Amino acid sequence: MKLRCAVIEDFQSAATTVADWSPVTADVDVVTFTGHLGSVDEVADALAEFDIVVTLRERVPFPAEAFARLPRLRLLIASGMRNSVIDFAAAERHGVTVCGTASSSTPPVELTWALLLGLARSIVPEANGLRGNGPWQSTLGADLHGRTLGLLGLGKIGGRVAEVGRAFGMEVVAWSQNLTEERTREVGTALAGSKEELLESADFVSVHLALSDRTRGLIGAAELARMRPTAYLVNTSRAAIVDQHALLAALHAGTIAGAGIDVFDVEPLPPGHPMRTAPRLLATPHLGYVSRANYATYYGQAVENIRAFLDGEPVRRIG
């Protein structure tokens, strides 16, 4: 009898089109879910009859209770090789193998610049004005050349964002708690003396830090108050790094020029959420990793993981 595989959070119905599933279809029936499973009850109800689950990033938590309520589950595959919402100890107790996939840093770099440029040149309001027969030009664009780009985090993604900033002729400074001058020299940036110094000096601030106890709430009301009123904030990293209530207050008060946000405390954002209508905000629905090439990697390697599991030799195990 065939095993059953659920592919969840497949909002674009892309999972079975960007990858070849034929290596496993003789042994596995694949079912895709295009909606969001927002609670353990929904996860348990929807996935109770599945042996394999392929989940996307960290949108659907798998705590101990979920594993206890999914007795048939034997293989959980998550995109990426890190996942903070899976209880790996519980998975092991319940005999569930957890595997990951590769994930490219290119899409979030590109989206960071899409947001930053969209903010700087008021692309959305100007495009909407043109389409709606509104005024012909209504804003003055913010220049990039000669301005300062401040990066919170200078890892793989932050380093590539810095390279693009330099190509635009920007002065690039970076800060994180463990950042060294050696690393900043590698990518041609300056090391800010402190987080506060970076926030006070930058015309554009972009967040590229991993979420941890040290970075949670790193940017709150006090930090936003240090930014220039003409400065912009971009966050394509993790929502909890920037205090959402403080950001909303700053946007409504106009104490910063604007923000480009791709990550939120609650995802998907519920209807009527204040982040949907905040002024001075260019917001996207967590598109940082959403590209055709990245999805081809996610689901192509998910197929490989399933085949290896069926053959008794799991690969890319995480946890």
C-alpha atoms as a PDB file:
ATOM      1  CA  MET A   1       0.000   0.000   0.000  1.00  0.00           C
ATOM      2  CA  LYS A   2       1.290   3.472  -0.885  1.00  0.00           C
ATOM      3  CA  LEU A   3       2.351   5.940   1.774  1.00  0.00           C
ATOM      4  CA  ARG A   4       0.608   9.301   1.858  1.00  0.00           C
ATOM      5  CA  CYS A   5       2.549  12.580   1.653  1.00  0.00           C
ATOM      6  CA  ALA A   6       1.101  16.000   2.486  1.00  0.00           C
ATOM      7  CA  VAL A   7       2.743  19.132   1.086  1.00  0.00           C
ATOM      8  CA  ILE A   8       1.462  22.017   3.198  1.00  0.00           C
ATOM      9  CA  GLU A   9       1.506  25.809   2.739  1.00  0.00           C
ATOM     10  CA  ASP A  10       1.667  25.420  -1.049  1.00  0.00           C
ATOM     11  CA  PHE A  11       0.013  28.803  -1.587  1.00  0.00           C
ATOM     12  CA  GLN A  12       1.024  29.063  -5.253  1.00  0.00           C
ATOM     13  CA  SER A  13       0.244  25.411  -6.098  1.00  0.00           C
ATOM     14  CA  ALA A  14       3.876  25.211  -7.186  1.00  0.00           C
ATOM     15  CA  ALA A  15       5.250  22.212  -5.301  1.00  0.00           C
ATOM     16  CA  THR A  16       4.339  19.605  -7.905  1.00  0.00           C
ATOM     17  CA  THR A  17       5.234  21.780 -10.914  1.00  0.00           C
ATOM     18  CA  VAL A  18       8.697  23.115 -10.006  1.00  0.00           C
ATOM     19  CA  ALA A  19      10.105  19.665  -9.206  1.00  0.00           C
ATOM     20  CA  ASP A  20       9.918  16.157 -10.643  1.00  0.00           C
ATOM     21  CA  TRP A  21       8.123  13.852  -8.195  1.00  0.00           C
ATOM     22  CA  SER A  22       8.282  10.767 -10.414  1.00  0.00           C
ATOM     23  CA  PRO A  23      11.081   9.126  -8.365  1.00  0.00           C
ATOM     24  CA  VAL A  24       8.571   8.589  -5.520  1.00  0.00           C
ATOM     25  CA  THR A  25       5.101   8.466  -7.055  1.00  0.00           C
ATOM     26  CA  ALA A  26       5.151   4.689  -7.399  1.00  0.00           C
ATOM     27  CA  ASP A  27       5.406   4.467  -3.616  1.00  0.00           C
ATOM     28  CA  VAL A  28       3.787   7.681  -2.408  1.00  0.00           C
ATOM     29  CA  ASP A  29       0.527   9.531  -3.030  1.00  0.00           C
ATOM     30  CA  VAL A  30       1.151  13.276  -2.855  1.00  0.00           C
ATOM     31  CA  VAL A  31      -1.550  15.702  -1.697  1.00  0.00           C
ATOM     32  CA  THR A  32      -0.987  19.471  -1.591  1.00  0.00           C
ATOM     33  CA  PHE A  33      -2.634  21.958   0.762  1.00  0.00           C
ATOM     34  CA  THR A  34      -2.890  25.537  -0.487  1.00  0.00           C
ATOM     35  CA  GLY A  35      -4.279  27.043   2.727  1.00  0.00           C
ATOM     36  CA  HIS A  36      -2.670  27.801   6.059  1.00  0.00           C
ATOM     37  CA  LEU A  37      -2.778  25.445   9.040  1.00  0.00           C
ATOM     38  CA  GLY A  38      -2.772  27.903  11.899  1.00  0.00           C
ATOM     39  CA  SER A  39      -3.129  25.736  15.003  1.00  0.00           C
ATOM     40  CA  VAL A  40      -2.193  22.332  16.352  1.00  0.00           C
ATOM     41  CA  ASP A  41      -5.845  21.313  16.040  1.00  0.00           C
ATOM     42  CA  GLU A  42      -5.835  22.213  12.343  1.00  0.00           C
ATOM     43  CA  VAL A  43      -2.537  20.401  11.809  1.00  0.00           C
ATOM     44  CA  ALA A  44      -3.789  17.288  13.582  1.00  0.00           C
ATOM     45  CA  ASP A  45      -7.127  17.253  11.755  1.00  0.00           C
ATOM     46  CA  ALA A  46      -5.641  17.850   8.300  1.00  0.00           C
ATOM     47  CA  LEU A  47      -2.609  15.571   8.539  1.00  0.00           C
ATOM     48  CA  ALA A  48      -3.817  12.645  10.654  1.00  0.00           C
ATOM     49  CA  GLU A  49      -3.826  10.243   7.694  1.00  0.00           C
ATOM     50  CA  PHE A  50      -0.395  11.128   6.332  1.00  0.00           C
ATOM     51  CA  ASP A  51       2.920   9.302   6.745  1.00  0.00           C
ATOM     52  CA  ILE A  52       5.073  12.103   5.298  1.00  0.00           C
ATOM     53  CA  VAL A  53       4.705  15.878   5.618  1.00  0.00           C
ATOM     54  CA  VAL A  54       6.618  18.512   3.656  1.00  0.00           C
ATOM     55  CA  THR A  55       6.397  21.898   5.357  1.00  0.00           C
ATOM     56  CA  LEU A  56       7.620  25.303   4.206  1.00  0.00           C
ATOM     57  CA  ARG A  57      10.120  27.245   6.289  1.00  0.00           C
ATOM     58  CA  GLU A  58       8.926  28.026   9.841  1.00  0.00           C
ATOM     59  CA  ARG A  59       5.332  28.996   9.231  1.00  0.00           C
ATOM     60  CA  VAL A  60       3.655  25.919  10.783  1.00  0.00           C
ATOM     61  CA  PRO A  61       4.954  24.882  14.235  1.00  0.00           C
ATOM     62  CA  PHE A  62       5.362  21.213  15.064  1.00  0.00           C
ATOM     63  CA  PRO A  63       5.446  21.110  18.886  1.00  0.00           C
ATOM     64  CA  ALA A  64       5.312  17.949  20.966  1.00  0.00           C
ATOM     65  CA  GLU A  65       1.503  17.970  20.922  1.00  0.00           C
ATOM     66  CA  ALA A  66       1.455  17.861  17.124  1.00  0.00           C
ATOM     67  CA  PHE A  67       3.667  14.765  17.010  1.00  0.00           C
ATOM     68  CA  ALA A  68       1.536  13.085  19.677  1.00  0.00           C
ATOM     69  CA  ARG A  69      -1.569  13.669  17.545  1.00  0.00           C
ATOM     70  CA  LEU A  70      -0.013  12.462  14.279  1.00  0.00           C
ATOM     71  CA  PRO A  71       0.585   8.752  14.988  1.00  0.00           C
ATOM     72  CA  ARG A  72       1.109   7.849  11.322  1.00  0.00           C
ATOM     73  CA  LEU A  73       3.782  10.487  10.718  1.00  0.00           C
ATOM     74  CA  ARG A  74       7.218   9.008   9.985  1.00  0.00           C
ATOM     75  CA  LEU A  75       9.007  11.664   7.946  1.00  0.00           C
ATOM     76  CA  LEU A  76       8.871  15.475   8.284  1.00  0.00           C
ATOM     77  CA  ILE A  77      10.710  17.548   5.696  1.00  0.00           C
ATOM     78  CA  ALA A  78      11.283  21.278   6.190  1.00  0.00           C
ATOM     79  CA  SER A  79      12.787  23.667   3.661  1.00  0.00           C
ATOM     80  CA  GLY A  80      16.144  24.937   4.876  1.00  0.00           C
ATOM     81  CA  MET A  81      18.562  23.266   7.264  1.00  0.00           C
ATOM     82  CA  ARG A  82      17.484  25.193  10.379  1.00  0.00           C
ATOM     83  CA  ASN A  83      14.041  25.289  11.931  1.00  0.00           C
ATOM     84  CA  SER A  84      13.055  26.905  15.225  1.00  0.00           C
ATOM     85  CA  VAL A  85       9.427  25.693  15.330  1.00  0.00           C
ATOM     86  CA  ILE A  86       9.993  21.926  15.249  1.00  0.00           C
ATOM     87  CA  ASP A  87      10.362  20.097  18.556  1.00  0.00           C
ATOM     88  CA  PHE A  88      13.151  17.774  17.487  1.00  0.00           C
ATOM     89  CA  ALA A  89      13.230  15.882  20.779  1.00  0.00           C
ATOM     90  CA  ALA A  90       9.522  15.125  20.458  1.00  0.00           C
ATOM     91  CA  ALA A  91      10.018  14.040  16.859  1.00  0.00           C
ATOM     92  CA  GLU A  92      12.672  11.566  17.977  1.00  0.00           C
ATOM     93  CA  ARG A  93      10.469  10.240  20.789  1.00  0.00           C
ATOM     94  CA  HIS A  94       7.677   9.580  18.323  1.00  0.00           C
ATOM     95  CA  GLY A  95       9.950   7.942  15.772  1.00  0.00           C
ATOM     96  CA  VAL A  96       9.759  10.760  13.225  1.00  0.00           C
ATOM     97  CA  THR A  97      12.760  11.439  11.007  1.00  0.00           C
ATOM     98  CA  VAL A  98      13.238  15.162  10.274  1.00  0.00           C
ATOM     99  CA  CYS A  99      15.105  16.276   7.170  1.00  0.00           C
ATOM    100  CA  GLY A 100      15.866  19.627   5.566  1.00  0.00           C
ATOM    101  CA  THR A 101      16.898  21.049   2.220  1.00  0.00           C
ATOM    102  CA  ALA A 102      19.304  23.620   0.882  1.00  0.00           C
ATOM    103  CA  SER A 103      18.120  27.236   0.662  1.00  0.00           C
ATOM    104  CA  SER A 104      19.600  30.039  -1.410  1.00  0.00           C
ATOM    105  CA  SER A 105      20.491  33.407   0.084  1.00  0.00           C
ATOM    106  CA  THR A 106      19.966  35.126  -3.264  1.00  0.00           C
ATOM    107  CA  PRO A 107      16.161  35.666  -3.108  1.00  0.00           C
ATOM    108  CA  PRO A 108      16.174  37.551   0.232  1.00  0.00           C
ATOM    109  CA  VAL A 109      19.046  39.740  -0.978  1.00  0.00           C
ATOM    110  CA  GLU A 110      17.085  40.640  -4.090  1.00  0.00           C
ATOM    111  CA  LEU A 111      13.868  41.287  -2.162  1.00  0.00           C
ATOM    112  CA  THR A 112      15.741  43.528   0.281  1.00  0.00           C
ATOM    113  CA  TRP A 113      16.732  45.735  -2.609  1.00  0.00           C
ATOM    114  CA  ALA A 114      13.266  45.598  -4.154  1.00  0.00           C
ATOM    115  CA  LEU A 115      11.838  46.958  -0.892  1.00  0.00           C
ATOM    116  CA  LEU A 116      14.588  49.516  -0.396  1.00  0.00           C
ATOM    117  CA  LEU A 117      14.298  50.860  -3.938  1.00  0.00           C
ATOM    118  CA  GLY A 118      10.518  50.764  -3.795  1.00  0.00           C
ATOM    119  CA  LEU A 119      10.605  52.907  -0.672  1.00  0.00           C
ATOM    120  CA  ALA A 120      13.259  55.297  -1.933  1.00  0.00           C
ATOM    121  CA  ARG A 121      11.460  56.062  -5.187  1.00  0.00           C
ATOM    122  CA  SER A 122       7.860  55.721  -3.906  1.00  0.00           C
ATOM    123  CA  ILE A 123       7.196  53.112  -6.590  1.00  0.00           C
ATOM    124  CA  VAL A 124       3.847  51.889  -5.249  1.00  0.00           C
ATOM    125  CA  PRO A 125       2.131  55.272  -4.700  1.00  0.00           C
ATOM    126  CA  GLU A 126       3.478  56.630  -7.985  1.00  0.00           C
ATOM    127  CA  ALA A 127       2.375  53.523  -9.914  1.00  0.00           C
ATOM    128  CA  ASN A 128      -1.040  53.575  -8.244  1.00  0.00           C
ATOM    129  CA  GLY A 129      -1.392  57.277  -9.063  1.00  0.00           C
ATOM    130  CA  LEU A 130      -0.613  56.647 -12.717  1.00  0.00           C
ATOM    131  CA  ARG A 131      -3.042  53.729 -12.977  1.00  0.00           C
ATOM    132  CA  GLY A 132      -5.764  55.662 -11.176  1.00  0.00           C
ATOM    133  CA  ASN A 133      -5.452  58.805 -13.317  1.00  0.00           C
ATOM    134  CA  GLY A 134      -3.977  60.610 -10.340  1.00  0.00           C
ATOM    135  CA  PRO A 135      -1.301  63.314 -10.307  1.00  0.00           C
ATOM    136  CA  TRP A 136       1.602  63.063 -12.723  1.00  0.00           C
ATOM    137  CA  GLN A 137       4.455  62.838 -10.176  1.00  0.00           C
ATOM    138  CA  SER A 138       3.661  63.476  -6.539  1.00  0.00           C
ATOM    139  CA  THR A 139       6.836  62.548  -4.657  1.00  0.00           C
ATOM    140  CA  LEU A 140      10.537  63.335  -4.571  1.00  0.00           C
ATOM    141  CA  GLY A 141      12.701  60.233  -4.576  1.00  0.00           C
ATOM    142  CA  ALA A 142      15.320  59.612  -1.916  1.00  0.00           C
ATOM    143  CA  ASP A 143      18.805  59.272  -3.406  1.00  0.00           C
ATOM    144  CA  LEU A 144      21.004  56.248  -2.744  1.00  0.00           C
ATOM    145  CA  HIS A 145      24.321  57.437  -4.161  1.00  0.00           C
ATOM    146  CA  GLY A 146      26.386  59.062  -1.442  1.00  0.00           C
ATOM    147  CA  ARG A 147      23.953  58.043   1.303  1.00  0.00           C
ATOM    148  CA  THR A 148      24.674  55.676   4.185  1.00  0.00           C
ATOM    149  CA  LEU A 149      23.378  52.130   4.302  1.00  0.00           C
ATOM    150  CA  GLY A 150      23.441  50.655   7.803  1.00  0.00           C
ATOM    151  CA  LEU A 151      23.350  46.872   8.075  1.00  0.00           C
ATOM    152  CA  LEU A 152      22.396  45.085  11.267  1.00  0.00           C
ATOM    153  CA  GLY A 153      24.160  41.807  10.581  1.00  0.00           C
ATOM    154  CA  LEU A 154      26.851  41.048   8.039  1.00  0.00           C
ATOM    155  CA  GLY A 155      26.520  37.329   7.405  1.00  0.00           C
ATOM    156  CA  LYS A 156      25.979  35.729   4.007  1.00  0.00           C
ATOM    157  CA  ILE A 157      22.884  37.789   3.184  1.00  0.00           C
ATOM    158  CA  GLY A 158      24.078  41.016   4.812  1.00  0.00           C
ATOM    159  CA  GLY A 159      27.402  40.754   3.009  1.00  0.00           C
ATOM    160  CA  ARG A 160      25.726  40.488  -0.377  1.00  0.00           C
ATOM    161  CA  VAL A 161      23.379  43.373   0.424  1.00  0.00           C
ATOM    162  CA  ALA A 162      26.506  45.397   1.253  1.00  0.00           C
ATOM    163  CA  GLU A 163      28.033  44.608  -2.145  1.00  0.00           C
ATOM    164  CA  VAL A 164      24.960  45.955  -3.925  1.00  0.00           C
ATOM    165  CA  GLY A 165      24.961  49.052  -1.743  1.00  0.00           C
ATOM    166  CA  ARG A 166      28.548  49.768  -2.687  1.00  0.00           C
ATOM    167  CA  ALA A 167      27.650  49.314  -6.363  1.00  0.00           C
ATOM    168  CA  PHE A 168      25.050  52.071  -5.912  1.00  0.00           C
ATOM    169  CA  GLY A 169      27.765  54.307  -4.508  1.00  0.00           C
ATOM    170  CA  MET A 170      26.528  54.130  -0.932  1.00  0.00           C
ATOM    171  CA  GLU A 171      28.625  54.296   2.189  1.00  0.00           C
ATOM    172  CA  VAL A 172      28.015  51.012   3.988  1.00  0.00           C
ATOM    173  CA  VAL A 173      28.396  50.523   7.741  1.00  0.00           C
ATOM    174  CA  ALA A 174      27.522  47.415   9.709  1.00  0.00           C
ATOM    175  CA  TRP A 175      27.036  46.321  13.290  1.00  0.00           C
ATOM    176  CA  SER A 176      26.178  43.203  15.236  1.00  0.00           C
ATOM    177  CA  GLN A 177      27.180  42.049  18.675  1.00  0.00           C
ATOM    178  CA  ASN A 178      29.982  39.809  17.434  1.00  0.00           C
ATOM    179  CA  LEU A 179      30.947  41.593  14.239  1.00  0.00           C
ATOM    180  CA  THR A 180      34.695  42.085  13.736  1.00  0.00           C
ATOM    181  CA  GLU A 181      36.718  44.564  11.714  1.00  0.00           C
ATOM    182  CA  GLU A 182      38.176  41.615   9.819  1.00  0.00           C
ATOM    183  CA  ARG A 183      34.721  40.647   8.535  1.00  0.00           C
ATOM    184  CA  THR A 184      33.811  44.220   7.588  1.00  0.00           C
ATOM    185  CA  ARG A 185      37.065  44.551   5.649  1.00  0.00           C
ATOM    186  CA  GLU A 186      36.236  41.374   3.716  1.00  0.00           C
ATOM    187  CA  VAL A 187      33.153  43.001   2.212  1.00  0.00           C
ATOM    188  CA  GLY A 188      34.368  46.588   2.090  1.00  0.00           C
ATOM    189  CA  THR A 189      32.221  48.061   4.824  1.00  0.00           C
ATOM    190  CA  ALA A 190      32.919  50.100   7.922  1.00  0.00           C
ATOM    191  CA  LEU A 191      32.296  48.795  11.433  1.00  0.00           C
ATOM    192  CA  ALA A 192      29.915  50.987  13.405  1.00  0.00           C
ATOM    193  CA  GLY A 193      31.013  51.681  16.961  1.00  0.00           C
ATOM    194  CA  SER A 194      27.619  50.668  18.327  1.00  0.00           C
ATOM    195  CA  LYS A 195      24.065  49.877  17.337  1.00  0.00           C
ATOM    196  CA  GLU A 196      23.091  53.394  18.371  1.00  0.00           C
ATOM    197  CA  GLU A 197      25.798  54.956  16.218  1.00  0.00           C
ATOM    198  CA  LEU A 198      24.606  52.995  13.198  1.00  0.00           C
ATOM    199  CA  LEU A 199      20.965  53.971  13.695  1.00  0.00           C
ATOM    200  CA  GLU A 200      21.821  57.637  14.123  1.00  0.00           C
ATOM    201  CA  SER A 201      24.039  57.818  11.037  1.00  0.00           C
ATOM    202  CA  ALA A 202      22.241  55.659   8.452  1.00  0.00           C
ATOM    203  CA  ASP A 203      19.837  56.850   5.790  1.00  0.00           C
ATOM    204  CA  PHE A 204      18.680  53.273   5.236  1.00  0.00           C
ATOM    205  CA  VAL A 205      18.796  50.539   7.894  1.00  0.00           C
ATOM    206  CA  SER A 206      18.430  46.907   6.848  1.00  0.00           C
ATOM    207  CA  VAL A 207      18.113  43.948   9.237  1.00  0.00           C
ATOM    208  CA  HIS A 208      20.011  40.719   8.482  1.00  0.00           C
ATOM    209  CA  LEU A 209      20.323  38.953  11.829  1.00  0.00           C
ATOM    210  CA  ALA A 210      19.260  35.513  12.981  1.00  0.00           C
ATOM    211  CA  LEU A 211      16.573  35.508  15.647  1.00  0.00           C
ATOM    212  CA  SER A 212      17.881  34.616  19.093  1.00  0.00           C
ATOM    213  CA  ASP A 213      17.398  35.685  22.681  1.00  0.00           C
ATOM    214  CA  ARG A 214      19.946  38.434  22.052  1.00  0.00           C
ATOM    215  CA  THR A 215      18.293  39.815  18.923  1.00  0.00           C
ATOM    216  CA  ARG A 216      14.631  39.506  19.907  1.00  0.00           C
ATOM    217  CA  GLY A 217      13.300  43.057  20.309  1.00  0.00           C
ATOM    218  CA  LEU A 218      16.666  44.513  19.294  1.00  0.00           C
ATOM    219  CA  ILE A 219      14.906  47.424  17.587  1.00  0.00           C
ATOM    220  CA  GLY A 220      12.252  48.969  19.808  1.00  0.00           C
ATOM    221  CA  ALA A 221      10.847  52.415  20.449  1.00  0.00           C
ATOM    222  CA  ALA A 222      14.127  53.809  21.818  1.00  0.00           C
ATOM    223  CA  GLU A 223      16.095  52.557  18.822  1.00  0.00           C
ATOM    224  CA  LEU A 224      13.565  53.817  16.277  1.00  0.00           C
ATOM    225  CA  ALA A 225      13.694  57.214  17.969  1.00  0.00           C
ATOM    226  CA  ARG A 226      17.420  57.382  17.207  1.00  0.00           C
ATOM    227  CA  MET A 227      16.824  57.070  13.466  1.00  0.00           C
ATOM    228  CA  ARG A 228      16.665  60.158  11.324  1.00  0.00           C
ATOM    229  CA  PRO A 229      13.190  61.338  10.310  1.00  0.00           C
ATOM    230  CA  THR A 230      14.324  60.947   6.687  1.00  0.00           C
ATOM    231  CA  ALA A 231      15.588  57.380   7.222  1.00  0.00           C
ATOM    232  CA  TYR A 232      14.012  54.090   6.154  1.00  0.00           C
ATOM    233  CA  LEU A 233      13.990  50.686   7.851  1.00  0.00           C
ATOM    234  CA  VAL A 234      13.928  47.373   5.943  1.00  0.00           C
ATOM    235  CA  ASN A 235      13.367  43.998   7.602  1.00  0.00           C
ATOM    236  CA  THR A 236      13.450  40.795   5.540  1.00  0.00           C
ATOM    237  CA  SER A 237      14.916  38.749   8.385  1.00  0.00           C
ATOM    238  CA  ARG A 238      12.675  37.892  11.356  1.00  0.00           C
ATOM    239  CA  ALA A 239       9.725  39.907  12.618  1.00  0.00           C
ATOM    240  CA  ALA A 240      10.549  39.597  16.302  1.00  0.00           C
ATOM    241  CA  ILE A 241      13.828  41.493  15.877  1.00  0.00           C
ATOM    242  CA  VAL A 242      11.822  44.700  15.393  1.00  0.00           C
ATOM    243  CA  ASP A 243       9.105  45.516  17.911  1.00  0.00           C
ATOM    244  CA  GLN A 244       5.993  45.635  15.743  1.00  0.00           C
ATOM    245  CA  HIS A 245       3.997  47.948  18.005  1.00  0.00           C
ATOM    246  CA  ALA A 246       6.883  50.410  18.225  1.00  0.00           C
ATOM    247  CA  LEU A 247       7.296  50.318  14.449  1.00  0.00           C
ATOM    248  CA  LEU A 248       3.603  51.006  13.886  1.00  0.00           C
ATOM    249  CA  ALA A 249       3.789  53.941  16.288  1.00  0.00           C
ATOM    250  CA  ALA A 250       6.810  55.375  14.465  1.00  0.00           C
ATOM    251  CA  LEU A 251       5.133  55.006  11.074  1.00  0.00           C
ATOM    252  CA  HIS A 252       1.940  56.707  12.237  1.00  0.00           C
ATOM    253  CA  ALA A 253       3.879  59.492  13.945  1.00  0.00           C
ATOM    254  CA  GLY A 254       6.175  59.998  10.967  1.00  0.00           C
ATOM    255  CA  THR A 255       9.311  59.828  13.087  1.00  0.00           C
ATOM    256  CA  ILE A 256      10.900  57.721  10.325  1.00  0.00           C
ATOM    257  CA  ALA A 257      10.345  58.186   6.600  1.00  0.00           C
ATOM    258  CA  GLY A 258       9.093  54.671   6.031  1.00  0.00           C
ATOM    259  CA  ALA A 259       9.663  50.935   6.340  1.00  0.00           C
ATOM    260  CA  GLY A 260       9.836  47.940   4.039  1.00  0.00           C
ATOM    261  CA  ILE A 261       8.688  44.821   5.884  1.00  0.00           C
ATOM    262  CA  ASP A 262       8.466  41.224   4.660  1.00  0.00           C
ATOM    263  CA  VAL A 263       8.069  39.432   8.016  1.00  0.00           C
ATOM    264  CA  PHE A 264       5.366  39.694  10.648  1.00  0.00           C
ATOM    265  CA  ASP A 265       4.586  38.540  14.180  1.00  0.00           C
ATOM    266  CA  VAL A 266       1.577  36.619  12.845  1.00  0.00           C
ATOM    267  CA  GLU A 267       1.656  34.982   9.417  1.00  0.00           C
ATOM    268  CA  PRO A 268      -0.393  35.070   7.329  1.00  0.00           C
ATOM    269  CA  LEU A 269      -1.536  38.498   8.522  1.00  0.00           C
ATOM    270  CA  PRO A 270      -5.213  38.310   9.496  1.00  0.00           C
ATOM    271  CA  PRO A 271      -7.688  40.597   7.703  1.00  0.00           C
ATOM    272  CA  GLY A 272      -7.798  44.029   9.258  1.00  0.00           C
ATOM    273  CA  HIS A 273      -4.377  43.735  10.887  1.00  0.00           C
ATOM    274  CA  PRO A 274      -2.889  47.228  11.391  1.00  0.00           C
ATOM    275  CA  MET A 275       0.219  46.313   9.389  1.00  0.00           C
ATOM    276  CA  ARG A 276      -1.991  46.003   6.320  1.00  0.00           C
ATOM    277  CA  THR A 277      -2.929  49.687   6.338  1.00  0.00           C
ATOM    278  CA  ALA A 278      -0.101  51.477   8.159  1.00  0.00           C
ATOM    279  CA  PRO A 279       1.138  54.681   6.509  1.00  0.00           C
ATOM    280  CA  ARG A 280       4.660  54.918   5.092  1.00  0.00           C
ATOM    281  CA  LEU A 281       4.829  51.110   4.916  1.00  0.00           C
ATOM    282  CA  LEU A 282       5.764  48.967   1.925  1.00  0.00           C
ATOM    283  CA  ALA A 283       4.821  45.453   3.028  1.00  0.00           C
ATOM    284  CA  THR A 284       5.098  42.100   1.249  1.00  0.00           C
ATOM    285  CA  PRO A 285       3.729  38.706   2.397  1.00  0.00           C
ATOM    286  CA  HIS A 286       7.011  37.024   3.404  1.00  0.00           C
ATOM    287  CA  LEU A 287       8.377  36.734  -0.119  1.00  0.00           C
ATOM    288  CA  GLY A 288      12.034  36.684   0.903  1.00  0.00           C
ATOM    289  CA  TYR A 289      12.597  33.048  -0.001  1.00  0.00           C
ATOM    290  CA  VAL A 290       9.819  32.774  -2.619  1.00  0.00           C
ATOM    291  CA  SER A 291      11.459  32.375  -6.009  1.00  0.00           C
ATOM    292  CA  ARG A 292      11.180  29.718  -8.692  1.00  0.00           C
ATOM    293  CA  ALA A 293      14.782  28.562  -8.336  1.00  0.00           C
ATOM    294  CA  ASN A 294      14.554  28.347  -4.542  1.00  0.00           C
ATOM    295  CA  TYR A 295      11.299  26.393  -4.714  1.00  0.00           C
ATOM    296  CA  ALA A 296      12.843  24.035  -7.260  1.00  0.00           C
ATOM    297  CA  THR A 297      15.575  23.359  -4.704  1.00  0.00           C
ATOM    298  CA  TYR A 298      13.146  22.947  -1.797  1.00  0.00           C
ATOM    299  CA  TYR A 299      10.840  20.504  -3.497  1.00  0.00           C
ATOM    300  CA  GLY A 300      13.459  18.787  -5.630  1.00  0.00           C
ATOM    301  CA  GLN A 301      15.452  17.950  -2.519  1.00  0.00           C
ATOM    302  CA  ALA A 302      12.249  17.020  -0.666  1.00  0.00           C
ATOM    303  CA  VAL A 303      11.728  14.346  -3.322  1.00  0.00           C
ATOM    304  CA  GLU A 304      15.325  13.190  -2.834  1.00  0.00           C
ATOM    305  CA  ASN A 305      14.768  13.070   0.918  1.00  0.00           C
ATOM    306  CA  ILE A 306      11.639  10.954   0.509  1.00  0.00           C
ATOM    307  CA  ARG A 307      13.377   8.563  -1.867  1.00  0.00           C
ATOM    308  CA  ALA A 308      16.334   8.188   0.502  1.00  0.00           C
ATOM    309  CA  PHE A 309      13.993   7.593   3.457  1.00  0.00           C
ATOM    310  CA  LEU A 310      12.090   4.926   1.530  1.00  0.00           C
ATOM    311  CA  ASP A 311      15.415   3.288   0.696  1.00  0.00           C
ATOM    312  CA  GLY A 312      16.333   3.209   4.379  1.00  0.00           C
ATOM    313  CA  GLU A 313      19.132   5.787   4.138  1.00  0.00           C
ATOM    314  CA  PRO A 314      17.761   9.236   5.143  1.00  0.00           C
ATOM    315  CA  VAL A 315      19.756  12.255   4.009  1.00  0.00           C
ATOM    316  CA  ARG A 316      19.965  15.881   5.182  1.00  0.00           C
ATOM    317  CA  ARG A 317      18.749  15.015   8.663  1.00  0.00           C
ATOM    318  CA  ILE A 318      18.340  18.000  10.980  1.00  0.00           C
ATOM    319  CA  GLY A 319      17.678  18.413  14.690  1.00  0.00           C
END
